[in-house]
Amino acid sequence: PPLAALAGAPLLLAAGLTACLLTTLAKWLLVGRFQPGERPLWSSFVWRNELFDTFVEVLAVPWGAGAHLGTPALNWWLRSLGARVGRGVWCETYWLPETDLVSLGDGVSVNRGCVLQTHLFHDRIMRMDTVRVADGASLGPHSIALPGTTIGTGASIAASSLVMRGETVPGGTRWAGNPIAGATPPRADGVLPTEEAA
């Protein structure tokens, strides 16, 4: 039994790495590089994209990526899928549907359960756009940023908040709500006020 346990760890690690590599390969073979734009619901692109998403959720996350949320290993994997991930990024989510359309600046914090939603369907048309999170910005747990959003340098989005499609969040401000509202500007010294002072 002790030998089996010792052998099991490297096997599980190899299985996780293989799952992530196969998912990366599937992404590039099935859909290539994502671009902002529109695609009809019943097009082969949408179904190939859904198949890629199945690789992510059924293969990569349970076998590998899910155990590495918030680690440099996840950042490397997201980069292999085409996401632009800066240095020192804390990314505790794998919900970046069209990875090429996501840009995370240096020191960004994307907390557990966040969704960087790069597409929406309207009138049976899939519309894709970028989600940009600038240096030092943070998204609280279970927040959602919809397509076409830009979150400015050092901006903070509170937990369970929704950044609506096409919104630009100014740098150094704090927002909360579904949808977000009530910006709190930084103090003169550039520090955000505490909850008690707000």
C-alpha atoms as a PDB file:
ATOM      1  CA  PRO A   1       0.000   0.000   0.000  1.00  0.00           C
ATOM      2  CA  PRO A   2       2.686   2.645   0.755  1.00  0.00           C
ATOM      3  CA  LEU A   3       4.326   1.928  -2.593  1.00  0.00           C
ATOM      4  CA  ALA A   4       0.966   2.247  -4.355  1.00  0.00           C
ATOM      5  CA  ALA A   5       0.399   5.626  -2.690  1.00  0.00           C
ATOM      6  CA  LEU A   6       3.830   6.823  -3.776  1.00  0.00           C
ATOM      7  CA  ALA A   7       3.207   5.662  -7.337  1.00  0.00           C
ATOM      8  CA  GLY A   8      -0.311   7.146  -7.366  1.00  0.00           C
ATOM      9  CA  ALA A   9       0.774  10.768  -6.889  1.00  0.00           C
ATOM     10  CA  PRO A  10       2.960  10.963 -10.014  1.00  0.00           C
ATOM     11  CA  LEU A  11       0.309   9.103 -12.021  1.00  0.00           C
ATOM     12  CA  LEU A  12      -2.386  11.585 -10.997  1.00  0.00           C
ATOM     13  CA  LEU A  13      -0.071  14.496 -11.757  1.00  0.00           C
ATOM     14  CA  ALA A  14       0.688  13.029 -15.193  1.00  0.00           C
ATOM     15  CA  ALA A  15      -3.036  12.467 -15.830  1.00  0.00           C
ATOM     16  CA  GLY A  16      -3.792  16.100 -14.925  1.00  0.00           C
ATOM     17  CA  LEU A  17      -1.030  17.411 -17.157  1.00  0.00           C
ATOM     18  CA  THR A  18      -2.204  15.191 -20.019  1.00  0.00           C
ATOM     19  CA  ALA A  19      -5.805  16.388 -19.578  1.00  0.00           C
ATOM     20  CA  CYS A  20      -4.736  20.045 -19.745  1.00  0.00           C
ATOM     21  CA  LEU A  21      -2.485  19.448 -22.765  1.00  0.00           C
ATOM     22  CA  LEU A  22      -5.242  17.573 -24.624  1.00  0.00           C
ATOM     23  CA  THR A  23      -7.652  20.425 -23.891  1.00  0.00           C
ATOM     24  CA  THR A  24      -5.156  22.972 -25.216  1.00  0.00           C
ATOM     25  CA  LEU A  25      -4.672  20.876 -28.349  1.00  0.00           C
ATOM     26  CA  ALA A  26      -8.455  20.566 -28.785  1.00  0.00           C
ATOM     27  CA  LYS A  27      -8.869  24.352 -28.507  1.00  0.00           C
ATOM     28  CA  TRP A  28      -6.376  25.107 -31.254  1.00  0.00           C
ATOM     29  CA  LEU A  29      -7.640  22.327 -33.535  1.00  0.00           C
ATOM     30  CA  LEU A  30     -11.360  23.017 -33.040  1.00  0.00           C
ATOM     31  CA  VAL A  31     -11.590  26.820 -32.979  1.00  0.00           C
ATOM     32  CA  GLY A  32      -8.119  28.319 -33.414  1.00  0.00           C
ATOM     33  CA  ARG A  33      -7.779  31.911 -32.195  1.00  0.00           C
ATOM     34  CA  PHE A  34     -10.954  33.628 -30.994  1.00  0.00           C
ATOM     35  CA  GLN A  35     -11.678  37.067 -32.490  1.00  0.00           C
ATOM     36  CA  PRO A  36     -14.295  39.644 -31.478  1.00  0.00           C
ATOM     37  CA  GLY A  37     -17.311  39.359 -33.735  1.00  0.00           C
ATOM     38  CA  GLU A  38     -20.604  37.611 -34.383  1.00  0.00           C
ATOM     39  CA  ARG A  39     -21.455  34.022 -35.288  1.00  0.00           C
ATOM     40  CA  PRO A  40     -24.894  32.485 -35.964  1.00  0.00           C
ATOM     41  CA  LEU A  41     -26.140  30.091 -33.278  1.00  0.00           C
ATOM     42  CA  TRP A  42     -26.435  27.169 -35.686  1.00  0.00           C
ATOM     43  CA  SER A  43     -22.963  27.576 -37.199  1.00  0.00           C
ATOM     44  CA  SER A  44     -20.266  24.933 -36.892  1.00  0.00           C
ATOM     45  CA  PHE A  45     -18.133  27.487 -35.011  1.00  0.00           C
ATOM     46  CA  VAL A  46     -20.584  27.624 -32.098  1.00  0.00           C
ATOM     47  CA  TRP A  47     -20.730  23.837 -31.852  1.00  0.00           C
ATOM     48  CA  ARG A  48     -16.939  23.502 -32.101  1.00  0.00           C
ATOM     49  CA  ASN A  49     -16.670  26.116 -29.349  1.00  0.00           C
ATOM     50  CA  GLU A  50     -19.118  24.100 -27.226  1.00  0.00           C
ATOM     51  CA  LEU A  51     -17.010  20.985 -27.787  1.00  0.00           C
ATOM     52  CA  PHE A  52     -13.899  22.873 -26.659  1.00  0.00           C
ATOM     53  CA  ASP A  53     -15.808  24.014 -23.554  1.00  0.00           C
ATOM     54  CA  THR A  54     -16.689  20.371 -22.869  1.00  0.00           C
ATOM     55  CA  PHE A  55     -12.986  19.500 -22.948  1.00  0.00           C
ATOM     56  CA  VAL A  56     -12.397  22.240 -20.356  1.00  0.00           C
ATOM     57  CA  GLU A  57     -15.230  21.307 -17.996  1.00  0.00           C
ATOM     58  CA  VAL A  58     -15.183  17.506 -18.312  1.00  0.00           C
ATOM     59  CA  LEU A  59     -11.500  16.765 -18.841  1.00  0.00           C
ATOM     60  CA  ALA A  60      -9.132  19.585 -17.852  1.00  0.00           C
ATOM     61  CA  VAL A  61     -10.839  20.982 -14.748  1.00  0.00           C
ATOM     62  CA  PRO A  62     -11.646  17.707 -12.929  1.00  0.00           C
ATOM     63  CA  TRP A  63      -8.298  16.101 -13.770  1.00  0.00           C
ATOM     64  CA  GLY A  64      -5.861  18.995 -13.561  1.00  0.00           C
ATOM     65  CA  ALA A  65      -6.758  22.670 -13.740  1.00  0.00           C
ATOM     66  CA  GLY A  66      -9.299  22.551 -10.902  1.00  0.00           C
ATOM     67  CA  ALA A  67      -6.592  21.565  -8.415  1.00  0.00           C
ATOM     68  CA  HIS A  68      -4.422  24.487  -9.512  1.00  0.00           C
ATOM     69  CA  LEU A  69      -6.823  27.428  -9.181  1.00  0.00           C
ATOM     70  CA  GLY A  70      -4.932  30.482  -7.940  1.00  0.00           C
ATOM     71  CA  THR A  71      -1.506  29.093  -8.860  1.00  0.00           C
ATOM     72  CA  PRO A  72       1.069  29.927 -11.521  1.00  0.00           C
ATOM     73  CA  ALA A  73       0.282  26.533 -13.101  1.00  0.00           C
ATOM     74  CA  LEU A  74      -3.254  27.710 -13.952  1.00  0.00           C
ATOM     75  CA  ASN A  75      -1.864  30.962 -15.388  1.00  0.00           C
ATOM     76  CA  TRP A  76       0.506  28.989 -17.643  1.00  0.00           C
ATOM     77  CA  TRP A  77      -2.348  26.797 -18.842  1.00  0.00           C
ATOM     78  CA  LEU A  78      -4.574  29.828 -19.550  1.00  0.00           C
ATOM     79  CA  ARG A  79      -1.715  31.351 -21.550  1.00  0.00           C
ATOM     80  CA  SER A  80      -1.458  28.119 -23.567  1.00  0.00           C
ATOM     81  CA  LEU A  81      -5.142  28.625 -24.437  1.00  0.00           C
ATOM     82  CA  GLY A  82      -4.436  32.162 -25.695  1.00  0.00           C
ATOM     83  CA  ALA A  83      -5.296  34.336 -22.681  1.00  0.00           C
ATOM     84  CA  ARG A  84      -2.991  37.262 -21.927  1.00  0.00           C
ATOM     85  CA  VAL A  85      -2.067  36.816 -18.269  1.00  0.00           C
ATOM     86  CA  GLY A  86       0.382  39.252 -16.663  1.00  0.00           C
ATOM     87  CA  ARG A  87       2.905  38.676 -13.910  1.00  0.00           C
ATOM     88  CA  GLY A  88       1.767  38.023 -10.359  1.00  0.00           C
ATOM     89  CA  VAL A  89      -1.850  37.314 -11.342  1.00  0.00           C
ATOM     90  CA  TRP A  90      -4.094  35.508  -8.861  1.00  0.00           C
ATOM     91  CA  CYS A  91      -6.711  33.750 -10.994  1.00  0.00           C
ATOM     92  CA  GLU A  92      -8.966  31.443  -9.013  1.00  0.00           C
ATOM     93  CA  THR A  93     -11.352  30.631 -11.851  1.00  0.00           C
ATOM     94  CA  TYR A  94     -11.276  28.769 -15.136  1.00  0.00           C
ATOM     95  CA  TRP A  95     -14.391  30.497 -16.539  1.00  0.00           C
ATOM     96  CA  LEU A  96     -12.800  32.428 -19.388  1.00  0.00           C
ATOM     97  CA  PRO A  97     -14.909  31.007 -22.243  1.00  0.00           C
ATOM     98  CA  GLU A  98     -13.057  32.506 -25.237  1.00  0.00           C
ATOM     99  CA  THR A  99      -9.583  32.714 -23.744  1.00  0.00           C
ATOM    100  CA  ASP A 100      -7.978  34.784 -26.533  1.00  0.00           C
ATOM    101  CA  LEU A 101     -10.385  37.625 -25.712  1.00  0.00           C
ATOM    102  CA  VAL A 102      -9.251  37.906 -22.065  1.00  0.00           C
ATOM    103  CA  SER A 103      -6.441  40.183 -20.900  1.00  0.00           C
ATOM    104  CA  LEU A 104      -5.320  40.217 -17.249  1.00  0.00           C
ATOM    105  CA  GLY A 105      -2.687  42.830 -16.367  1.00  0.00           C
ATOM    106  CA  ASP A 106       0.112  42.467 -13.836  1.00  0.00           C
ATOM    107  CA  GLY A 107      -0.982  41.912 -10.240  1.00  0.00           C
ATOM    108  CA  VAL A 108      -4.638  41.313 -11.116  1.00  0.00           C
ATOM    109  CA  SER A 109      -6.792  39.328  -8.695  1.00  0.00           C
ATOM    110  CA  VAL A 110      -9.691  37.303 -10.129  1.00  0.00           C
ATOM    111  CA  ASN A 111     -11.274  35.476  -7.211  1.00  0.00           C
ATOM    112  CA  ARG A 112     -13.114  32.171  -6.869  1.00  0.00           C
ATOM    113  CA  GLY A 113     -16.173  31.680  -9.027  1.00  0.00           C
ATOM    114  CA  CYS A 114     -15.679  34.773 -11.213  1.00  0.00           C
ATOM    115  CA  VAL A 115     -16.779  34.613 -14.829  1.00  0.00           C
ATOM    116  CA  LEU A 116     -15.002  36.665 -17.488  1.00  0.00           C
ATOM    117  CA  GLN A 117     -17.837  36.243 -19.966  1.00  0.00           C
ATOM    118  CA  THR A 118     -16.582  36.994 -23.457  1.00  0.00           C
ATOM    119  CA  HIS A 119     -19.767  36.086 -25.352  1.00  0.00           C
ATOM    120  CA  LEU A 120     -23.522  36.548 -25.136  1.00  0.00           C
ATOM    121  CA  PHE A 121     -26.324  35.213 -27.314  1.00  0.00           C
ATOM    122  CA  HIS A 122     -29.010  37.601 -28.558  1.00  0.00           C
ATOM    123  CA  ASP A 123     -31.529  36.769 -31.280  1.00  0.00           C
ATOM    124  CA  ARG A 124     -29.683  33.517 -32.017  1.00  0.00           C
ATOM    125  CA  ILE A 125     -26.425  35.371 -32.662  1.00  0.00           C
ATOM    126  CA  MET A 126     -23.292  34.716 -30.603  1.00  0.00           C
ATOM    127  CA  ARG A 127     -21.578  38.059 -30.021  1.00  0.00           C
ATOM    128  CA  MET A 128     -17.994  37.926 -28.745  1.00  0.00           C
ATOM    129  CA  ASP A 129     -15.912  40.773 -27.367  1.00  0.00           C
ATOM    130  CA  THR A 130     -12.923  41.332 -25.103  1.00  0.00           C
ATOM    131  CA  VAL A 131     -12.739  41.535 -21.318  1.00  0.00           C
ATOM    132  CA  ARG A 132      -9.766  43.564 -20.096  1.00  0.00           C
ATOM    133  CA  VAL A 133      -8.666  43.795 -16.476  1.00  0.00           C
ATOM    134  CA  ALA A 134      -5.846  46.332 -16.023  1.00  0.00           C
ATOM    135  CA  ASP A 135      -2.862  46.127 -13.675  1.00  0.00           C
ATOM    136  CA  GLY A 136      -3.677  45.769  -9.986  1.00  0.00           C
ATOM    137  CA  ALA A 137      -7.452  45.526 -10.452  1.00  0.00           C
ATOM    138  CA  SER A 138      -9.505  42.953  -8.566  1.00  0.00           C
ATOM    139  CA  LEU A 139     -12.781  41.100  -8.998  1.00  0.00           C
ATOM    140  CA  GLY A 140     -14.392  39.815  -5.804  1.00  0.00           C
ATOM    141  CA  PRO A 141     -15.633  36.231  -5.518  1.00  0.00           C
ATOM    142  CA  HIS A 142     -18.470  35.259  -7.881  1.00  0.00           C
ATOM    143  CA  SER A 143     -18.328  38.526  -9.845  1.00  0.00           C
ATOM    144  CA  ILE A 144     -19.071  38.600 -13.556  1.00  0.00           C
ATOM    145  CA  ALA A 145     -17.634  40.837 -16.274  1.00  0.00           C
ATOM    146  CA  LEU A 146     -19.644  40.786 -19.518  1.00  0.00           C
ATOM    147  CA  PRO A 147     -18.218  41.235 -23.049  1.00  0.00           C
ATOM    148  CA  GLY A 148     -16.663  44.551 -24.006  1.00  0.00           C
ATOM    149  CA  THR A 149     -15.759  45.540 -20.452  1.00  0.00           C
ATOM    150  CA  THR A 150     -12.584  47.223 -19.275  1.00  0.00           C
ATOM    151  CA  ILE A 151     -11.716  47.343 -15.587  1.00  0.00           C
ATOM    152  CA  GLY A 152      -9.191  50.115 -14.962  1.00  0.00           C
ATOM    153  CA  THR A 153      -5.880  50.045 -13.126  1.00  0.00           C
ATOM    154  CA  GLY A 154      -6.344  49.380  -9.417  1.00  0.00           C
ATOM    155  CA  ALA A 155     -10.153  49.267  -9.660  1.00  0.00           C
ATOM    156  CA  SER A 156     -12.017  46.957  -7.302  1.00  0.00           C
ATOM    157  CA  ILE A 157     -15.242  45.078  -8.037  1.00  0.00           C
ATOM    158  CA  ALA A 158     -16.943  43.720  -4.892  1.00  0.00           C
ATOM    159  CA  ALA A 159     -18.116  40.127  -4.464  1.00  0.00           C
ATOM    160  CA  SER A 160     -21.135  38.922  -6.466  1.00  0.00           C
ATOM    161  CA  SER A 161     -21.146  42.040  -8.643  1.00  0.00           C
ATOM    162  CA  LEU A 162     -21.928  42.342 -12.347  1.00  0.00           C
ATOM    163  CA  VAL A 163     -20.029  44.593 -14.757  1.00  0.00           C
ATOM    164  CA  MET A 164     -22.473  45.148 -17.626  1.00  0.00           C
ATOM    165  CA  ARG A 165     -21.631  44.720 -21.295  1.00  0.00           C
ATOM    166  CA  GLY A 166     -19.414  47.465 -22.701  1.00  0.00           C
ATOM    167  CA  GLU A 167     -18.796  49.239 -19.384  1.00  0.00           C
ATOM    168  CA  THR A 168     -15.491  50.873 -18.506  1.00  0.00           C
ATOM    169  CA  VAL A 169     -14.662  50.962 -14.808  1.00  0.00           C
ATOM    170  CA  PRO A 170     -12.334  53.894 -13.998  1.00  0.00           C
ATOM    171  CA  GLY A 171      -9.014  53.082 -12.367  1.00  0.00           C
ATOM    172  CA  GLY A 172      -8.669  53.437  -8.609  1.00  0.00           C
ATOM    173  CA  THR A 173     -12.399  53.190  -7.891  1.00  0.00           C
ATOM    174  CA  ARG A 174     -14.476  50.631  -6.030  1.00  0.00           C
ATOM    175  CA  TRP A 175     -17.814  49.299  -7.291  1.00  0.00           C
ATOM    176  CA  ALA A 176     -20.454  46.880  -6.036  1.00  0.00           C
ATOM    177  CA  GLY A 177     -23.858  45.562  -7.028  1.00  0.00           C
ATOM    178  CA  ASN A 178     -25.732  43.723  -9.711  1.00  0.00           C
ATOM    179  CA  PRO A 179     -25.292  45.744 -11.894  1.00  0.00           C
ATOM    180  CA  ILE A 180     -22.393  47.694 -10.406  1.00  0.00           C
ATOM    181  CA  ALA A 181     -23.077  51.153  -8.984  1.00  0.00           C
ATOM    182  CA  GLY A 182     -21.801  53.580  -6.374  1.00  0.00           C
ATOM    183  CA  ALA A 183     -18.199  54.301  -7.269  1.00  0.00           C
ATOM    184  CA  THR A 184     -15.973  55.127  -4.340  1.00  0.00           C
ATOM    185  CA  PRO A 185     -13.098  57.325  -5.541  1.00  0.00           C
ATOM    186  CA  PRO A 186      -9.627  56.994  -4.039  1.00  0.00           C
ATOM    187  CA  ARG A 187      -8.471  59.407  -1.341  1.00  0.00           C
ATOM    188  CA  ALA A 188      -5.984  62.143  -2.176  1.00  0.00           C
ATOM    189  CA  ASP A 189      -3.133  59.764  -1.281  1.00  0.00           C
ATOM    190  CA  GLY A 190      -4.515  57.212  -3.785  1.00  0.00           C
ATOM    191  CA  VAL A 191      -5.736  54.737  -1.158  1.00  0.00           C
ATOM    192  CA  LEU A 192      -9.312  53.467  -1.346  1.00  0.00           C
ATOM    193  CA  PRO A 193     -11.405  54.316   1.721  1.00  0.00           C
ATOM    194  CA  THR A 194     -12.246  51.478   4.083  1.00  0.00           C
ATOM    195  CA  GLU A 195     -15.731  49.999   4.322  1.00  0.00           C
ATOM    196  CA  GLU A 196     -16.346  51.906   7.563  1.00  0.00           C
ATOM    197  CA  ALA A 197     -15.458  55.267   6.019  1.00  0.00           C
ATOM    198  CA  ALA A 198     -17.403  54.747   2.803  1.00  0.00           C
END
